[in-house]
Amino acid sequence: MKIGCQCGETIFDITDYVPNKAHLIPDQDWFPTYDAIDDEIIDPIADGRLGKEAAYMLARQIISRSARLMWQCATCGRLYIDDIRGNLQCYVPEREQTDREILRGNTKRA
């Protein structure tokens, strides 16, 4: 996927572990996501109704259905976020000194 930033740069999303991409879970969905994991994964595993491989897949599905994607332009710092309907919205930094790596994770992958 490519996003043409308003500054003229192109944001590429072509692989995993992209440092300028994030998954946003709205606060209104945060605890319902935890509850779904408890109800649909933890309890069924504890009761012997769900196996390990099925639990892995279900956990990913639960988290994915709550999350929206977002990207940041490394050049200008603009944020591009999918809205609730999947339409891309752009947010412009207030200052020139805005951190250009706001979506980078805390840990490095090998």
PDB file of N, CA and C in Angstrom:
ATOM      1  N   MET A   1       0.836  -1.166   0.000  1.00  0.00           N
ATOM      2  CA  MET A   1       0.000   0.000   0.000  1.00  0.00           C
ATOM      3  C   MET A   1       0.890   1.241   0.000  1.00  0.00           C
ATOM      4  N   LYS A   2       0.429   2.271  -0.693  1.00  0.00           N
ATOM      5  CA  LYS A   2       1.147   3.534  -0.737  1.00  0.00           C
ATOM      6  C   LYS A   2       0.178   4.664  -0.394  1.00  0.00           C
ATOM      7  N   ILE A   3       0.661   5.598   0.421  1.00  0.00           N
ATOM      8  CA  ILE A   3      -0.112   6.790   0.749  1.00  0.00           C
ATOM      9  C   ILE A   3       0.686   7.984   0.251  1.00  0.00           C
ATOM     10  N   GLY A   4       0.064   8.787  -0.586  1.00  0.00           N
ATOM     11  CA  GLY A   4       0.701  10.008  -1.060  1.00  0.00           C
ATOM     12  C   GLY A   4       0.482  11.112  -0.035  1.00  0.00           C
ATOM     13  N   CYS A   5       1.537  11.478   0.673  1.00  0.00           N
ATOM     14  CA  CYS A   5       1.426  12.517   1.690  1.00  0.00           C
ATOM     15  C   CYS A   5       1.256  13.877   1.025  1.00  0.00           C
ATOM     16  N   GLN A   6       0.599  14.766   1.706  1.00  0.00           N
ATOM     17  CA  GLN A   6       0.373  16.113   1.184  1.00  0.00           C
ATOM     18  C   GLN A   6       1.665  16.894   1.013  1.00  0.00           C
ATOM     19  N   CYS A   7       2.750  16.476   1.691  1.00  0.00           N
ATOM     20  CA  CYS A   7       4.036  17.165   1.543  1.00  0.00           C
ATOM     21  C   CYS A   7       4.780  16.714   0.295  1.00  0.00           C
ATOM     22  N   GLY A   8       4.260  15.698  -0.387  1.00  0.00           N
ATOM     23  CA  GLY A   8       4.890  15.193  -1.599  1.00  0.00           C
ATOM     24  C   GLY A   8       5.592  13.858  -1.435  1.00  0.00           C
ATOM     25  N   GLU A   9       5.838  13.438  -0.202  1.00  0.00           N
ATOM     26  CA  GLU A   9       6.469  12.142   0.054  1.00  0.00           C
ATOM     27  C   GLU A   9       5.455  11.015  -0.115  1.00  0.00           C
ATOM     28  N   THR A  10       5.962   9.794  -0.236  1.00  0.00           N
ATOM     29  CA  THR A  10       5.121   8.609  -0.310  1.00  0.00           C
ATOM     30  C   THR A  10       5.388   7.763   0.922  1.00  0.00           C
ATOM     31  N   ILE A  11       4.319   7.359   1.592  1.00  0.00           N
ATOM     32  CA  ILE A  11       4.417   6.467   2.748  1.00  0.00           C
ATOM     33  C   ILE A  11       4.143   5.060   2.235  1.00  0.00           C
ATOM     34  N   PHE A  12       5.109   4.166   2.412  1.00  0.00           N
ATOM     35  CA  PHE A  12       4.978   2.791   1.949  1.00  0.00           C
ATOM     36  C   PHE A  12       4.621   1.874   3.113  1.00  0.00           C
ATOM     37  N   ASP A  13       3.691   0.973   2.874  1.00  0.00           N
ATOM     38  CA  ASP A  13       3.323  -0.062   3.841  1.00  0.00           C
ATOM     39  C   ASP A  13       3.366  -1.380   3.083  1.00  0.00           C
ATOM     40  N   ILE A  14       4.570  -1.953   2.997  1.00  0.00           N
ATOM     41  CA  ILE A  14       4.745  -3.138   2.157  1.00  0.00           C
ATOM     42  C   ILE A  14       5.281  -4.350   2.909  1.00  0.00           C
ATOM     43  N   THR A  15       5.446  -4.227   4.229  1.00  0.00           N
ATOM     44  CA  THR A  15       6.021  -5.326   4.995  1.00  0.00           C
ATOM     45  C   THR A  15       5.518  -5.251   6.435  1.00  0.00           C
ATOM     46  N   ASP A  16       5.942  -6.161   7.263  1.00  0.00           N
ATOM     47  CA  ASP A  16       5.620  -6.146   8.690  1.00  0.00           C
ATOM     48  C   ASP A  16       6.666  -5.339   9.449  1.00  0.00           C
ATOM     49  N   TYR A  17       6.336  -4.992  10.674  1.00  0.00           N
ATOM     50  CA  TYR A  17       7.245  -4.271  11.577  1.00  0.00           C
ATOM     51  C   TYR A  17       7.663  -2.901  11.028  1.00  0.00           C
ATOM     52  N   VAL A  18       6.720  -2.219  10.403  1.00  0.00           N
ATOM     53  CA  VAL A  18       6.984  -0.902   9.826  1.00  0.00           C
ATOM     54  C   VAL A  18       7.063   0.121  10.970  1.00  0.00           C
ATOM     55  N   PRO A  19       8.154   0.906  11.055  1.00  0.00           N
ATOM     56  CA  PRO A  19       8.328   1.816  12.183  1.00  0.00           C
ATOM     57  C   PRO A  19       7.411   3.043  12.165  1.00  0.00           C
ATOM     58  N   ASN A  20       6.774   3.322  11.032  1.00  0.00           N
ATOM     59  CA  ASN A  20       5.891   4.490  10.958  1.00  0.00           C
ATOM     60  C   ASN A  20       4.419   4.087  10.809  1.00  0.00           C
ATOM     61  N   LYS A  21       4.093   2.889  11.283  1.00  0.00           N
ATOM     62  CA  LYS A  21       2.731   2.366  11.220  1.00  0.00           C
ATOM     63  C   LYS A  21       2.321   1.906  12.612  1.00  0.00           C
ATOM     64  N   ALA A  22       1.038   2.091  12.935  1.00  0.00           N
ATOM     65  CA  ALA A  22       0.543   1.627  14.233  1.00  0.00           C
ATOM     66  C   ALA A  22      -0.895   1.140  14.086  1.00  0.00           C
ATOM     67  N   HIS A  23      -1.338   0.463  15.117  1.00  0.00           N
ATOM     68  CA  HIS A  23      -2.718  -0.009  15.197  1.00  0.00           C
ATOM     69  C   HIS A  23      -3.359   0.723  16.369  1.00  0.00           C
ATOM     70  N   LEU A  24      -4.399   1.454  16.085  1.00  0.00           N
ATOM     71  CA  LEU A  24      -5.074   2.283  17.076  1.00  0.00           C
ATOM     72  C   LEU A  24      -6.332   1.570  17.563  1.00  0.00           C
ATOM     73  N   ILE A  25      -6.447   1.389  18.876  1.00  0.00           N
ATOM     74  CA  ILE A  25      -7.681   0.857  19.458  1.00  0.00           C
ATOM     75  C   ILE A  25      -8.322   1.987  20.255  1.00  0.00           C
ATOM     76  N   PRO A  26      -9.486   2.445  19.821  1.00  0.00           N
ATOM     77  CA  PRO A  26     -10.167   3.526  20.547  1.00  0.00           C
ATOM     78  C   PRO A  26     -10.470   3.116  21.989  1.00  0.00           C
ATOM     79  N   ASP A  27     -10.448   4.082  22.881  1.00  0.00           N
ATOM     80  CA  ASP A  27     -10.698   3.814  24.294  1.00  0.00           C
ATOM     81  C   ASP A  27     -12.048   3.134  24.517  1.00  0.00           C
ATOM     82  N   GLN A  28     -13.050   3.482  23.728  1.00  0.00           N
ATOM     83  CA  GLN A  28     -14.369   2.855  23.869  1.00  0.00           C
ATOM     84  C   GLN A  28     -14.336   1.370  23.538  1.00  0.00           C
ATOM     85  N   ASP A  29     -13.317   0.918  22.807  1.00  0.00           N
ATOM     86  CA  ASP A  29     -13.179  -0.496  22.455  1.00  0.00           C
ATOM     87  C   ASP A  29     -12.131  -1.222  23.290  1.00  0.00           C
ATOM     88  N   TRP A  30     -11.384  -0.489  24.110  1.00  0.00           N
ATOM     89  CA  TRP A  30     -10.262  -1.066  24.851  1.00  0.00           C
ATOM     90  C   TRP A  30     -10.718  -2.178  25.804  1.00  0.00           C
ATOM     91  N   PHE A  31     -11.613  -1.858  26.743  1.00  0.00           N
ATOM     92  CA  PHE A  31     -12.058  -2.876  27.704  1.00  0.00           C
ATOM     93  C   PHE A  31     -12.972  -3.921  27.072  1.00  0.00           C
ATOM     94  N   PRO A  32     -13.818  -3.562  26.098  1.00  0.00           N
ATOM     95  CA  PRO A  32     -14.552  -4.617  25.399  1.00  0.00           C
ATOM     96  C   PRO A  32     -13.625  -5.617  24.684  1.00  0.00           C
ATOM     97  N   THR A  33     -12.469  -5.153  24.237  1.00  0.00           N
ATOM     98  CA  THR A  33     -11.501  -6.067  23.619  1.00  0.00           C
ATOM     99  C   THR A  33     -10.950  -7.033  24.660  1.00  0.00           C
ATOM    100  N   TYR A  34     -10.579  -6.509  25.834  1.00  0.00           N
ATOM    101  CA  TYR A  34     -10.153  -7.384  26.937  1.00  0.00           C
ATOM    102  C   TYR A  34     -11.247  -8.380  27.290  1.00  0.00           C
ATOM    103  N   ASP A  35     -12.488  -7.905  27.405  1.00  0.00           N
ATOM    104  CA  ASP A  35     -13.611  -8.790  27.753  1.00  0.00           C
ATOM    105  C   ASP A  35     -13.799  -9.884  26.711  1.00  0.00           C
ATOM    106  N   ALA A  36     -13.658  -9.529  25.435  1.00  0.00           N
ATOM    107  CA  ALA A  36     -13.796 -10.528  24.371  1.00  0.00           C
ATOM    108  C   ALA A  36     -12.701 -11.581  24.467  1.00  0.00           C
ATOM    109  N   ILE A  37     -11.488 -11.173  24.800  1.00  0.00           N
ATOM    110  CA  ILE A  37     -10.391 -12.129  24.968  1.00  0.00           C
ATOM    111  C   ILE A  37     -10.704 -13.072  26.131  1.00  0.00           C
ATOM    112  N   ASP A  38     -11.207 -12.516  27.230  1.00  0.00           N
ATOM    113  CA  ASP A  38     -11.594 -13.358  28.369  1.00  0.00           C
ATOM    114  C   ASP A  38     -12.690 -14.344  27.977  1.00  0.00           C
ATOM    115  N   ASP A  39     -13.769 -13.810  27.360  1.00  0.00           N
ATOM    116  CA  ASP A  39     -14.948 -14.622  27.058  1.00  0.00           C
ATOM    117  C   ASP A  39     -14.730 -15.620  25.928  1.00  0.00           C
ATOM    118  N   GLU A  40     -13.992 -15.209  24.897  1.00  0.00           N
ATOM    119  CA  GLU A  40     -13.863 -16.031  23.694  1.00  0.00           C
ATOM    120  C   GLU A  40     -12.591 -16.879  23.654  1.00  0.00           C
ATOM    121  N   ILE A  41     -11.625 -16.565  24.542  1.00  0.00           N
ATOM    122  CA  ILE A  41     -10.360 -17.312  24.517  1.00  0.00           C
ATOM    123  C   ILE A  41     -10.014 -17.909  25.875  1.00  0.00           C
ATOM    124  N   ILE A  42      -9.852 -17.060  26.879  1.00  0.00           N
ATOM    125  CA  ILE A  42      -9.382 -17.541  28.181  1.00  0.00           C
ATOM    126  C   ILE A  42     -10.343 -18.561  28.785  1.00  0.00           C
ATOM    127  N   ASP A  43     -11.625 -18.189  28.886  1.00  0.00           N
ATOM    128  CA  ASP A  43     -12.607 -19.120  29.469  1.00  0.00           C
ATOM    129  C   ASP A  43     -12.713 -20.424  28.682  1.00  0.00           C
ATOM    130  N   PRO A  44     -12.824 -20.385  27.335  1.00  0.00           N
ATOM    131  CA  PRO A  44     -12.868 -21.644  26.582  1.00  0.00           C
ATOM    132  C   PRO A  44     -11.603 -22.495  26.718  1.00  0.00           C
ATOM    133  N   ILE A  45     -10.441 -21.874  26.835  1.00  0.00           N
ATOM    134  CA  ILE A  45      -9.213 -22.655  27.044  1.00  0.00           C
ATOM    135  C   ILE A  45      -9.266 -23.325  28.415  1.00  0.00           C
ATOM    136  N   ALA A  46      -9.664 -22.552  29.429  1.00  0.00           N
ATOM    137  CA  ALA A  46      -9.735 -23.093  30.792  1.00  0.00           C
ATOM    138  C   ALA A  46     -10.728 -24.245  30.885  1.00  0.00           C
ATOM    139  N   ASP A  47     -11.798 -24.174  30.106  1.00  0.00           N
ATOM    140  CA  ASP A  47     -12.824 -25.225  30.104  1.00  0.00           C
ATOM    141  C   ASP A  47     -12.504 -26.376  29.156  1.00  0.00           C
ATOM    142  N   GLY A  48     -11.394 -26.270  28.426  1.00  0.00           N
ATOM    143  CA  GLY A  48     -11.007 -27.330  27.495  1.00  0.00           C
ATOM    144  C   GLY A  48     -11.771 -27.302  26.188  1.00  0.00           C
ATOM    145  N   ARG A  49     -12.441 -26.205  25.886  1.00  0.00           N
ATOM    146  CA  ARG A  49     -13.231 -26.109  24.653  1.00  0.00           C
ATOM    147  C   ARG A  49     -12.477 -25.463  23.496  1.00  0.00           C
ATOM    148  N   LEU A  50     -11.265 -24.968  23.753  1.00  0.00           N
ATOM    149  CA  LEU A  50     -10.509 -24.273  22.708  1.00  0.00           C
ATOM    150  C   LEU A  50      -9.048 -24.684  22.794  1.00  0.00           C
ATOM    151  N   GLY A  51      -8.487 -25.037  21.658  1.00  0.00           N
ATOM    152  CA  GLY A  51      -7.089 -25.438  21.602  1.00  0.00           C
ATOM    153  C   GLY A  51      -6.157 -24.263  21.375  1.00  0.00           C
ATOM    154  N   LYS A  52      -4.885 -24.531  21.512  1.00  0.00           N
ATOM    155  CA  LYS A  52      -3.843 -23.511  21.438  1.00  0.00           C
ATOM    156  C   LYS A  52      -3.823 -22.788  20.090  1.00  0.00           C
ATOM    157  N   GLU A  53      -3.804 -23.519  18.990  1.00  0.00           N
ATOM    158  CA  GLU A  53      -3.727 -22.902  17.660  1.00  0.00           C
ATOM    159  C   GLU A  53      -4.975 -22.066  17.363  1.00  0.00           C
ATOM    160  N   ALA A  54      -6.140 -22.566  17.728  1.00  0.00           N
ATOM    161  CA  ALA A  54      -7.379 -21.804  17.530  1.00  0.00           C
ATOM    162  C   ALA A  54      -7.379 -20.536  18.378  1.00  0.00           C
ATOM    163  N   ALA A  55      -6.824 -20.628  19.580  1.00  0.00           N
ATOM    164  CA  ALA A  55      -6.745 -19.460  20.464  1.00  0.00           C
ATOM    165  C   ALA A  55      -5.850 -18.384  19.870  1.00  0.00           C
ATOM    166  N   TYR A  56      -4.732 -18.785  19.277  1.00  0.00           N
ATOM    167  CA  TYR A  56      -3.844 -17.817  18.633  1.00  0.00           C
ATOM    168  C   TYR A  56      -4.597 -17.036  17.559  1.00  0.00           C
ATOM    169  N   MET A  57      -5.264 -17.749  16.693  1.00  0.00           N
ATOM    170  CA  MET A  57      -5.977 -17.107  15.588  1.00  0.00           C
ATOM    171  C   MET A  57      -7.108 -16.219  16.093  1.00  0.00           C
ATOM    172  N   LEU A  58      -7.849 -16.707  17.069  1.00  0.00           N
ATOM    173  CA  LEU A  58      -8.965 -15.939  17.619  1.00  0.00           C
ATOM    174  C   LEU A  58      -8.481 -14.661  18.309  1.00  0.00           C
ATOM    175  N   ALA A  59      -7.362 -14.727  19.017  1.00  0.00           N
ATOM    176  CA  ALA A  59      -6.810 -13.534  19.670  1.00  0.00           C
ATOM    177  C   ALA A  59      -6.478 -12.470  18.632  1.00  0.00           C
ATOM    178  N   ARG A  60      -5.868 -12.881  17.538  1.00  0.00           N
ATOM    179  CA  ARG A  60      -5.539 -11.936  16.476  1.00  0.00           C
ATOM    180  C   ARG A  60      -6.800 -11.328  15.859  1.00  0.00           C
ATOM    181  N   GLN A  61      -7.825 -12.135  15.675  1.00  0.00           N
ATOM    182  CA  GLN A  61      -9.083 -11.633  15.115  1.00  0.00           C
ATOM    183  C   GLN A  61      -9.744 -10.623  16.049  1.00  0.00           C
ATOM    184  N   ILE A  62      -9.761 -10.912  17.326  1.00  0.00           N
ATOM    185  CA  ILE A  62     -10.386 -10.008  18.300  1.00  0.00           C
ATOM    186  C   ILE A  62      -9.675  -8.662  18.318  1.00  0.00           C
ATOM    187  N   ILE A  63      -8.362  -8.691  18.363  1.00  0.00           N
ATOM    188  CA  ILE A  63      -7.602  -7.442  18.386  1.00  0.00           C
ATOM    189  C   ILE A  63      -7.765  -6.684  17.073  1.00  0.00           C
ATOM    190  N   SER A  64      -7.729  -7.395  15.972  1.00  0.00           N
ATOM    191  CA  SER A  64      -7.850  -6.751  14.660  1.00  0.00           C
ATOM    192  C   SER A  64      -9.208  -6.098  14.442  1.00  0.00           C
ATOM    193  N   ARG A  65     -10.259  -6.692  14.949  1.00  0.00           N
ATOM    194  CA  ARG A  65     -11.581  -6.101  14.709  1.00  0.00           C
ATOM    195  C   ARG A  65     -11.789  -4.795  15.487  1.00  0.00           C
ATOM    196  N   SER A  66     -10.986  -4.555  16.515  1.00  0.00           N
ATOM    197  CA  SER A  66     -11.070  -3.310  17.279  1.00  0.00           C
ATOM    198  C   SER A  66     -10.115  -2.242  16.766  1.00  0.00           C
ATOM    199  N   ALA A  67      -9.093  -2.641  16.041  1.00  0.00           N
ATOM    200  CA  ALA A  67      -8.017  -1.720  15.669  1.00  0.00           C
ATOM    201  C   ALA A  67      -8.254  -1.040  14.325  1.00  0.00           C
ATOM    202  N   ARG A  68      -7.734   0.170  14.246  1.00  0.00           N
ATOM    203  CA  ARG A  68      -7.671   0.917  12.995  1.00  0.00           C
ATOM    204  C   ARG A  68      -6.199   1.145  12.696  1.00  0.00           C
ATOM    205  N   LEU A  69      -5.882   1.309  11.441  1.00  0.00           N
ATOM    206  CA  LEU A  69      -4.491   1.528  11.061  1.00  0.00           C
ATOM    207  C   LEU A  69      -4.164   3.013  11.011  1.00  0.00           C
ATOM    208  N   MET A  70      -2.887   3.310  11.282  1.00  0.00           N
ATOM    209  CA  MET A  70      -2.411   4.681  11.169  1.00  0.00           C
ATOM    210  C   MET A  70      -0.954   4.669  10.732  1.00  0.00           C
ATOM    211  N   TRP A  71      -0.555   5.734  10.043  1.00  0.00           N
ATOM    212  CA  TRP A  71       0.796   5.871   9.526  1.00  0.00           C
ATOM    213  C   TRP A  71       1.271   7.297   9.774  1.00  0.00           C
ATOM    214  N   GLN A  72       2.584   7.474   9.845  1.00  0.00           N
ATOM    215  CA  GLN A  72       3.153   8.811   9.975  1.00  0.00           C
ATOM    216  C   GLN A  72       4.159   9.050   8.858  1.00  0.00           C
ATOM    217  N   CYS A  73       4.098  10.232   8.285  1.00  0.00           N
ATOM    218  CA  CYS A  73       5.076  10.633   7.284  1.00  0.00           C
ATOM    219  C   CYS A  73       6.371  10.992   8.007  1.00  0.00           C
ATOM    220  N   ALA A  74       7.469  10.360   7.601  1.00  0.00           N
ATOM    221  CA  ALA A  74       8.766  10.608   8.237  1.00  0.00           C
ATOM    222  C   ALA A  74       9.326  11.973   7.868  1.00  0.00           C
ATOM    223  N   THR A  75       8.824  12.569   6.813  1.00  0.00           N
ATOM    224  CA  THR A  75       9.336  13.865   6.365  1.00  0.00           C
ATOM    225  C   THR A  75       8.657  15.032   7.069  1.00  0.00           C
ATOM    226  N   CYS A  76       7.333  15.030   7.118  1.00  0.00           N
ATOM    227  CA  CYS A  76       6.617  16.186   7.680  1.00  0.00           C
ATOM    228  C   CYS A  76       5.931  15.901   9.015  1.00  0.00           C
ATOM    229  N   GLY A  77       5.784  14.623   9.375  1.00  0.00           N
ATOM    230  CA  GLY A  77       5.166  14.261  10.645  1.00  0.00           C
ATOM    231  C   GLY A  77       3.656  14.110  10.612  1.00  0.00           C
ATOM    232  N   ARG A  78       3.034  14.324   9.439  1.00  0.00           N
ATOM    233  CA  ARG A  78       1.579  14.159   9.371  1.00  0.00           C
ATOM    234  C   ARG A  78       1.187  12.736   9.757  1.00  0.00           C
ATOM    235  N   LEU A  79       0.046  12.626  10.430  1.00  0.00           N
ATOM    236  CA  LEU A  79      -0.526  11.319  10.759  1.00  0.00           C
ATOM    237  C   LEU A  79      -1.691  11.044   9.825  1.00  0.00           C
ATOM    238  N   TYR A  80      -1.742   9.836   9.313  1.00  0.00           N
ATOM    239  CA  TYR A  80      -2.845   9.371   8.489  1.00  0.00           C
ATOM    240  C   TYR A  80      -3.509   8.230   9.239  1.00  0.00           C
ATOM    241  N   ILE A  81      -4.794   8.382   9.523  1.00  0.00           N
ATOM    242  CA  ILE A  81      -5.516   7.417  10.359  1.00  0.00           C
ATOM    243  C   ILE A  81      -6.802   7.004   9.659  1.00  0.00           C
ATOM    244  N   ASP A  82      -7.054   5.698   9.624  1.00  0.00           N
ATOM    245  CA  ASP A  82      -8.336   5.203   9.114  1.00  0.00           C
ATOM    246  C   ASP A  82      -9.428   5.576  10.094  1.00  0.00           C
ATOM    247  N   ASP A  83     -10.502   6.184   9.592  1.00  0.00           N
ATOM    248  CA  ASP A  83     -11.625   6.485  10.478  1.00  0.00           C
ATOM    249  C   ASP A  83     -12.503   5.246  10.638  1.00  0.00           C
ATOM    250  N   ILE A  84     -13.610   5.386  11.332  1.00  0.00           N
ATOM    251  CA  ILE A  84     -14.471   4.243  11.642  1.00  0.00           C
ATOM    252  C   ILE A  84     -15.037   3.567  10.387  1.00  0.00           C
ATOM    253  N   ARG A  85     -15.085   4.306   9.278  1.00  0.00           N
ATOM    254  CA  ARG A  85     -15.581   3.755   8.017  1.00  0.00           C
ATOM    255  C   ARG A  85     -14.459   3.288   7.096  1.00  0.00           C
ATOM    256  N   GLY A  86     -13.211   3.407   7.565  1.00  0.00           N
ATOM    257  CA  GLY A  86     -12.074   2.981   6.761  1.00  0.00           C
ATOM    258  C   GLY A  86     -11.556   4.053   5.811  1.00  0.00           C
ATOM    259  N   ASN A  87     -12.032   5.282   5.963  1.00  0.00           N
ATOM    260  CA  ASN A  87     -11.553   6.394   5.145  1.00  0.00           C
ATOM    261  C   ASN A  87     -10.329   7.018   5.805  1.00  0.00           C
ATOM    262  N   LEU A  88      -9.329   7.308   5.007  1.00  0.00           N
ATOM    263  CA  LEU A  88      -8.085   7.853   5.518  1.00  0.00           C
ATOM    264  C   LEU A  88      -8.246   9.331   5.867  1.00  0.00           C
ATOM    265  N   GLN A  89      -7.882   9.676   7.099  1.00  0.00           N
ATOM    266  CA  GLN A  89      -7.943  11.056   7.582  1.00  0.00           C
ATOM    267  C   GLN A  89      -6.518  11.534   7.855  1.00  0.00           C
ATOM    268  N   CYS A  90      -6.251  12.802   7.602  1.00  0.00           N
ATOM    269  CA  CYS A  90      -4.918  13.370   7.787  1.00  0.00           C
ATOM    270  C   CYS A  90      -4.925  14.376   8.932  1.00  0.00           C
ATOM    271  N   TYR A  91      -3.906  14.294   9.791  1.00  0.00           N
ATOM    272  CA  TYR A  91      -3.736  15.209  10.908  1.00  0.00           C
ATOM    273  C   TYR A  91      -2.357  15.841  10.792  1.00  0.00           C
ATOM    274  N   VAL A  92      -2.325  17.160  10.841  1.00  0.00           N
ATOM    275  CA  VAL A  92      -1.103  17.917  10.629  1.00  0.00           C
ATOM    276  C   VAL A  92      -0.502  18.322  11.973  1.00  0.00           C
ATOM    277  N   PRO A  93       0.817  18.135  12.136  1.00  0.00           N
ATOM    278  CA  PRO A  93       1.471  18.546  13.386  1.00  0.00           C
ATOM    279  C   PRO A  93       1.328  20.055  13.628  1.00  0.00           C
ATOM    280  N   GLU A  94       1.266  20.394  14.879  1.00  0.00           N
ATOM    281  CA  GLU A  94       1.144  21.798  15.262  1.00  0.00           C
ATOM    282  C   GLU A  94       2.458  22.560  15.081  1.00  0.00           C
ATOM    283  N   ARG A  95       3.576  21.863  15.305  1.00  0.00           N
ATOM    284  CA  ARG A  95       4.885  22.513  15.243  1.00  0.00           C
ATOM    285  C   ARG A  95       5.816  21.756  14.300  1.00  0.00           C
ATOM    286  N   GLU A  96       6.793  22.446  13.805  1.00  0.00           N
ATOM    287  CA  GLU A  96       7.808  21.845  12.932  1.00  0.00           C
ATOM    288  C   GLU A  96       8.635  20.798  13.672  1.00  0.00           C
ATOM    289  N   GLN A  97       8.820  20.958  14.993  1.00  0.00           N
ATOM    290  CA  GLN A  97       9.668  20.065  15.786  1.00  0.00           C
ATOM    291  C   GLN A  97       8.966  18.767  16.190  1.00  0.00           C
ATOM    292  N   THR A  98       7.803  18.476  15.659  1.00  0.00           N
ATOM    293  CA  THR A  98       7.064  17.265  16.008  1.00  0.00           C
ATOM    294  C   THR A  98       7.916  16.016  15.774  1.00  0.00           C
ATOM    295  N   ASP A  99       7.871  15.109  16.720  1.00  0.00           N
ATOM    296  CA  ASP A  99       8.589  13.836  16.626  1.00  0.00           C
ATOM    297  C   ASP A  99       8.136  13.093  15.367  1.00  0.00           C
ATOM    298  N   ARG A 100       9.081  12.726  14.524  1.00  0.00           N
ATOM    299  CA  ARG A 100       8.776  12.017  13.267  1.00  0.00           C
ATOM    300  C   ARG A 100       8.747  10.498  13.451  1.00  0.00           C
ATOM    301  N   GLU A 101       8.966  10.041  14.692  1.00  0.00           N
ATOM    302  CA  GLU A 101       8.960   8.597  14.971  1.00  0.00           C
ATOM    303  C   GLU A 101       7.984   8.274  16.091  1.00  0.00           C
ATOM    304  N   ILE A 102       6.878   8.984  16.138  1.00  0.00           N
ATOM    305  CA  ILE A 102       5.905   8.829  17.222  1.00  0.00           C
ATOM    306  C   ILE A 102       5.281   7.425  17.252  1.00  0.00           C
ATOM    307  N   LEU A 103       5.262   6.736  16.134  1.00  0.00           N
ATOM    308  CA  LEU A 103       4.642   5.406  16.071  1.00  0.00           C
ATOM    309  C   LEU A 103       5.646   4.267  16.231  1.00  0.00           C
ATOM    310  N   ARG A 104       6.925   4.584  16.329  1.00  0.00           N
ATOM    311  CA  ARG A 104       7.961   3.549  16.470  1.00  0.00           C
ATOM    312  C   ARG A 104       7.770   2.805  17.791  1.00  0.00           C
ATOM    313  N   GLY A 105       7.966   1.498  17.764  1.00  0.00           N
ATOM    314  CA  GLY A 105       7.829   0.672  18.960  1.00  0.00           C
ATOM    315  C   GLY A 105       8.979   0.863  19.932  1.00  0.00           C
ATOM    316  N   ASN A 106       8.798   0.340  21.137  1.00  0.00           N
ATOM    317  CA  ASN A 106       9.824   0.414  22.175  1.00  0.00           C
ATOM    318  C   ASN A 106      10.909  -0.640  22.011  1.00  0.00           C
ATOM    319  N   THR A 107      10.592  -1.720  21.318  1.00  0.00           N
ATOM    320  CA  THR A 107      11.548  -2.816  21.199  1.00  0.00           C
ATOM    321  C   THR A 107      11.934  -3.019  19.736  1.00  0.00           C
ATOM    322  N   LYS A 108      13.123  -3.537  19.531  1.00  0.00           N
ATOM    323  CA  LYS A 108      13.589  -3.841  18.184  1.00  0.00           C
ATOM    324  C   LYS A 108      13.359  -5.323  17.914  1.00  0.00           C
ATOM    325  N   ARG A 109      12.977  -5.618  16.695  1.00  0.00           N
ATOM    326  CA  ARG A 109      12.788  -7.002  16.267  1.00  0.00           C
ATOM    327  C   ARG A 109      14.073  -7.507  15.639  1.00  0.00           C
ATOM    328  N   ALA A 110      14.388  -8.768  15.859  1.00  0.00           N
ATOM    329  CA  ALA A 110      15.603  -9.349  15.267  1.00  0.00           C
ATOM    330  C   ALA A 110      15.385  -9.659  13.807  1.00  0.00           C
TER     331      ALA A 110
END
